Amino acid sequence: MRRPGFSFISGLYILLLISIFLLAGCSSTNKKKNLPPGELITEGKHQIKTKSYNKAKELFHQLLEDYPDSRERVQGLLFLANTYYLDDEYEEAKFHYQKFIELYPANKFADRAYYYKAMSDFKMREIATRDQTNTLAALEGFEETIKRFPKSPLQAKAVKKKKECHDILANSEFEVGKFYYRTGAYQSAIVRLKNVRETYPNQGFADEAIFLIAESYLEEENFSEAKDSFMELLKKYPKSEFSTEARIRLKTMHR
């Protein structure tokens, strides 16, 4: 008859132990939530070093939510953006860099926000290789960085990335022009290839672009424009791999 009573007491004891552990856990959680801003920054930076990006993001979000008026908020927002960037979450990174720019445009680290916002677009371009929307946004961002922060240590990197964006956009337009030429859409090819030459004049494929323009005019039986384009090619790029073919075209062209 005593055994059921004993079991009941044992059950209560076990429940009591579980309650103690749960309370200890809650206490520990509350303690973490109550970390001061400086410690949240320090711990967040440590988590970044160990590549524990999700934990770092939690800490920086906590700082922004729990201490909206603290001076550490500025650091926290930039670190949060950096963490998203390091974790390859470029859309989120871009959002937080933009927020930093809007809230702290005169901050000494504003150049970093501008540059890495542009880099976020640049990285997203690598994901969507055919759509150049992010490339155009990145180009605009690098140009803004160069313009606003001429003495920034990131200036040289921004200039280099700006050139990369130009090259990417030029090659993309050139490939579209070649596609039109291959598919017999010669008027569209002429428009695209001329636009590439005017917008990106210093590209390595400039001679081929002129040659394809001339060939397109020839296919359209616009012999006057074709002749002018072949002559331009020979004048500007006499050693081009397309110069021999251009001379042949000029000799055999109907007048």
Protein backbone atom coordinates (compact mmCIF):
# COMPACT_ATOMS: atom_id res chain seq x y z
CA MET A 1 0.00 0.00 0.00
CA ARG A 2 2.96 2.31 0.48
CA ARG A 3 4.34 1.80 -3.04
CA PRO A 4 1.72 4.00 -4.81
CA GLY A 5 2.40 6.82 -2.37
CA PHE A 6 6.09 6.46 -2.95
CA SER A 7 5.57 6.57 -6.73
CA PHE A 8 3.46 9.70 -6.37
CA ILE A 9 6.16 11.43 -4.33
CA SER A 10 8.82 10.31 -6.83
CA GLY A 11 6.73 11.75 -9.64
CA LEU A 12 6.44 15.07 -7.85
CA TYR A 13 10.18 15.09 -7.25
CA ILE A 14 10.87 14.48 -10.93
CA LEU A 15 8.45 17.24 -11.93
CA LEU A 16 10.18 19.56 -9.48
CA LEU A 17 13.57 18.79 -11.03
CA ILE A 18 12.23 19.41 -14.53
CA SER A 19 10.77 22.74 -13.42
CA ILE A 20 14.13 23.76 -11.93
CA PHE A 21 15.94 22.92 -15.18
CA LEU A 22 13.35 24.80 -17.24
CA LEU A 23 13.64 27.84 -15.00
CA ALA A 24 17.40 27.69 -15.25
CA GLY A 25 17.08 27.59 -19.02
CA CYS A 26 14.73 30.55 -19.04
CA SER A 27 17.07 32.40 -16.72
CA SER A 28 19.97 31.68 -19.05
CA THR A 29 17.93 32.85 -22.06
CA ASN A 30 16.91 36.02 -20.28
CA LYS A 31 20.50 36.63 -19.40
CA LYS A 32 21.46 36.40 -23.06
CA LYS A 33 18.65 38.75 -24.00
CA ASN A 34 19.87 41.25 -21.47
CA LEU A 35 23.43 41.46 -22.73
CA PRO A 36 24.47 45.12 -23.02
CA PRO A 37 25.04 46.61 -26.50
CA GLY A 38 28.84 46.47 -26.30
CA GLU A 39 28.83 42.77 -25.44
CA LEU A 40 26.36 42.04 -28.24
CA ILE A 41 28.77 43.68 -30.69
CA THR A 42 31.76 41.77 -29.29
CA GLU A 43 29.94 38.44 -29.34
CA GLY A 44 28.57 39.12 -32.82
CA LYS A 45 32.07 39.83 -34.16
CA HIS A 46 33.29 36.61 -32.57
CA GLN A 47 30.50 34.67 -34.28
CA ILE A 48 31.50 36.22 -37.63
CA LYS A 49 35.09 35.07 -37.14
CA THR A 50 33.90 31.52 -36.55
CA LYS A 51 31.55 31.82 -39.56
CA SER A 52 28.52 31.30 -37.35
CA TYR A 53 26.61 33.81 -39.42
CA ASN A 54 23.11 32.95 -38.27
CA LYS A 55 24.10 33.44 -34.64
CA ALA A 56 25.84 36.71 -35.50
CA LYS A 57 22.73 37.96 -37.29
CA GLU A 58 20.59 37.09 -34.26
CA LEU A 59 22.88 39.12 -31.99
CA PHE A 60 22.94 42.17 -34.24
CA HIS A 61 19.18 42.03 -34.76
CA GLN A 62 18.80 41.82 -30.98
CA LEU A 63 20.94 44.92 -30.57
CA LEU A 64 18.86 46.89 -33.06
CA GLU A 65 15.58 45.77 -31.50
CA ASP A 66 16.47 46.05 -27.81
CA TYR A 67 18.67 49.15 -27.89
CA PRO A 68 17.31 51.45 -30.64
CA ASP A 69 18.87 54.54 -29.04
CA SER A 70 22.31 53.14 -28.22
CA ARG A 71 25.42 54.48 -29.90
CA GLU A 72 26.36 50.90 -30.78
CA ARG A 73 23.35 50.77 -33.09
CA VAL A 74 25.41 52.31 -35.91
CA GLN A 75 28.02 49.56 -35.69
CA GLY A 76 25.33 46.92 -35.25
CA LEU A 77 23.52 47.88 -38.45
CA LEU A 78 26.71 47.85 -40.52
CA PHE A 79 27.85 44.56 -38.98
CA LEU A 80 24.42 43.09 -39.71
CA ALA A 81 24.68 44.10 -43.38
CA ASN A 82 28.23 42.71 -43.54
CA THR A 83 27.09 39.41 -42.03
CA TYR A 84 24.36 38.97 -44.61
CA TYR A 85 26.91 39.76 -47.32
CA LEU A 86 29.40 37.21 -45.97
CA ASP A 87 26.59 34.65 -45.79
CA ASP A 88 25.82 35.18 -49.52
CA GLU A 89 22.41 36.69 -48.74
CA TYR A 90 22.93 39.65 -51.03
CA GLU A 91 19.36 40.94 -51.25
CA GLU A 92 19.22 41.25 -47.44
CA ALA A 93 22.71 42.74 -47.36
CA LYS A 94 21.73 45.36 -49.93
CA PHE A 95 18.62 46.25 -47.92
CA HIS A 96 20.62 46.86 -44.72
CA TYR A 97 23.40 48.76 -46.49
CA GLN A 98 20.76 51.03 -47.98
CA LYS A 99 19.22 51.50 -44.54
CA PHE A 100 22.64 52.46 -43.16
CA ILE A 101 23.10 54.99 -45.99
CA GLU A 102 19.71 56.55 -45.28
CA LEU A 103 20.22 56.76 -41.51
CA TYR A 104 23.92 57.65 -41.36
CA PRO A 105 24.96 59.31 -44.65
CA ALA A 106 27.79 61.26 -43.00
CA ASN A 107 29.22 58.34 -41.02
CA LYS A 108 32.91 57.59 -41.53
CA PHE A 109 31.99 54.12 -42.81
CA ALA A 110 29.39 55.35 -45.30
CA ASP A 111 31.81 54.60 -48.15
CA ARG A 112 31.78 50.93 -47.15
CA ALA A 113 27.99 50.89 -47.18
CA TYR A 114 27.90 52.39 -50.68
CA TYR A 115 30.61 50.09 -52.01
CA TYR A 116 29.24 46.85 -50.56
CA LYS A 117 25.70 47.75 -51.56
CA ALA A 118 27.04 47.90 -55.13
CA MET A 119 28.97 44.67 -54.55
CA SER A 120 25.74 43.00 -53.43
CA ASP A 121 24.22 43.83 -56.82
CA PHE A 122 27.40 42.67 -58.51
CA LYS A 123 27.23 39.33 -56.70
CA MET A 124 23.56 38.91 -57.59
CA ARG A 125 24.51 39.48 -61.23
CA GLU A 126 26.61 36.31 -61.04
CA ILE A 127 23.46 34.39 -60.12
CA ALA A 128 21.32 35.83 -62.96
CA THR A 129 23.92 35.91 -65.74
CA ARG A 130 21.58 36.83 -68.61
CA ASP A 131 19.58 39.53 -66.88
CA GLN A 132 21.75 42.62 -66.59
CA THR A 133 19.50 44.54 -64.19
CA ASN A 134 21.85 43.90 -61.27
CA THR A 135 24.88 44.78 -63.39
CA LEU A 136 23.36 48.16 -64.20
CA ALA A 137 22.52 48.71 -60.52
CA ALA A 138 26.04 47.72 -59.51
CA LEU A 139 27.54 50.09 -62.10
CA GLU A 140 25.44 52.93 -60.73
CA GLY A 141 26.52 52.04 -57.20
CA PHE A 142 30.23 51.99 -58.03
CA GLU A 143 29.92 55.30 -59.87
CA GLU A 144 28.21 56.80 -56.82
CA THR A 145 30.97 55.48 -54.55
CA ILE A 146 33.67 56.97 -56.79
CA LYS A 147 31.88 60.31 -56.97
CA ARG A 148 31.06 60.67 -53.27
CA PHE A 149 34.26 59.29 -51.74
CA PRO A 150 37.26 60.25 -53.90
CA LYS A 151 39.65 59.71 -50.97
CA SER A 152 38.18 56.42 -49.79
CA PRO A 153 40.53 53.42 -49.54
CA LEU A 154 37.85 51.61 -51.56
CA GLN A 155 38.19 54.05 -54.48
CA ALA A 156 40.56 51.86 -56.54
CA LYS A 157 38.36 48.79 -56.04
CA ALA A 158 35.28 50.73 -57.09
CA VAL A 159 37.03 51.95 -60.26
CA LYS A 160 38.07 48.39 -61.10
CA LYS A 161 34.58 47.04 -60.52
CA LYS A 162 33.09 49.84 -62.60
CA LYS A 163 35.24 48.73 -65.54
CA GLU A 164 34.18 45.13 -65.00
CA CYS A 165 30.54 46.21 -65.17
CA HIS A 166 31.21 48.10 -68.40
CA ASP A 167 32.87 45.02 -69.89
CA ILE A 168 30.01 42.74 -68.83
CA LEU A 169 27.37 45.06 -70.27
CA ALA A 170 29.33 45.57 -73.48
CA ASN A 171 29.80 41.84 -74.01
CA SER A 172 26.14 41.21 -73.29
CA GLU A 173 25.05 43.78 -75.89
CA PHE A 174 27.59 42.46 -78.38
CA GLU A 175 26.31 38.90 -78.01
CA VAL A 176 22.76 40.11 -78.65
CA GLY A 177 23.96 41.91 -81.79
CA LYS A 178 25.72 38.77 -83.01
CA PHE A 179 22.60 36.73 -82.31
CA TYR A 180 20.53 39.07 -84.48
CA TYR A 181 23.12 38.82 -87.23
CA ARG A 182 23.20 35.00 -87.11
CA THR A 183 19.41 34.79 -87.26
CA GLY A 184 19.14 37.16 -90.21
CA ALA A 185 17.65 40.11 -88.30
CA TYR A 186 20.13 42.47 -89.91
CA GLN A 187 18.45 45.78 -89.10
CA SER A 188 18.28 44.82 -85.43
CA ALA A 189 21.91 43.68 -85.59
CA ILE A 190 22.98 47.03 -87.03
CA VAL A 191 21.15 48.96 -84.30
CA ARG A 192 22.58 46.84 -81.47
CA LEU A 193 26.13 46.75 -82.79
CA LYS A 194 26.20 50.48 -83.43
CA ASN A 195 24.92 51.09 -79.92
CA VAL A 196 27.70 48.90 -78.50
CA ARG A 197 30.32 50.85 -80.43
CA GLU A 198 28.99 54.21 -79.27
CA THR A 199 28.40 53.25 -75.65
CA TYR A 200 31.50 51.07 -75.14
CA PRO A 201 34.06 52.35 -77.69
CA ASN A 202 37.20 50.79 -76.20
CA GLN A 203 36.25 47.13 -76.23
CA GLY A 204 38.49 44.48 -77.79
CA PHE A 205 35.77 43.34 -80.17
CA ALA A 206 35.33 46.76 -81.84
CA ASP A 207 36.77 45.52 -85.15
CA GLU A 208 34.42 42.53 -85.26
CA ALA A 209 31.47 44.81 -84.46
CA ILE A 210 32.30 47.06 -87.45
CA PHE A 211 32.74 44.02 -89.69
CA LEU A 212 29.33 42.60 -88.69
CA ILE A 213 27.72 45.99 -89.24
CA ALA A 214 29.21 46.07 -92.74
CA GLU A 215 28.10 42.49 -93.40
CA SER A 216 24.59 43.32 -92.22
CA TYR A 217 24.40 46.32 -94.57
CA LEU A 218 25.63 44.07 -97.36
CA GLU A 219 22.92 41.51 -96.64
CA GLU A 220 20.39 44.36 -96.71
CA GLU A 221 21.85 45.43 -100.09
CA ASN A 222 22.72 48.82 -98.69
CA PHE A 223 26.01 48.85 -100.56
CA SER A 224 26.92 52.45 -99.81
CA GLU A 225 26.77 51.94 -96.02
CA ALA A 226 28.44 48.55 -96.34
CA LYS A 227 31.32 50.06 -98.28
CA ASP A 228 31.75 52.86 -95.72
CA SER A 229 31.81 50.35 -92.85
CA PHE A 230 34.37 48.08 -94.54
CA MET A 231 36.54 51.13 -95.26
CA GLU A 232 36.24 52.23 -91.63
CA LEU A 233 37.37 48.81 -90.48
CA LEU A 234 40.46 48.89 -92.73
CA LYS A 235 41.32 52.42 -91.66
CA LYS A 236 40.96 51.89 -87.91
CA TYR A 237 42.06 48.28 -87.67
CA PRO A 238 44.31 47.48 -90.64
CA LYS A 239 45.78 44.43 -88.86
CA SER A 240 42.42 43.02 -87.78
CA GLU A 241 41.69 39.37 -88.50
CA PHE A 242 38.66 40.67 -90.45
CA SER A 243 40.67 43.02 -92.72
CA THR A 244 41.39 40.44 -95.42
CA GLU A 245 37.71 39.53 -95.70
CA ALA A 246 36.81 43.23 -95.79
CA ARG A 247 39.15 43.81 -98.77
CA ILE A 248 37.60 40.88 -100.60
CA ARG A 249 34.12 42.27 -99.98
CA LEU A 250 35.13 45.69 -101.32
CA LYS A 251 36.53 44.17 -104.50
CA THR A 252 33.52 42.01 -105.25
CA MET A 253 30.80 44.35 -104.03
CA HIS A 254 28.20 45.52 -106.52
CA ARG A 255 28.35 49.22 -107.07
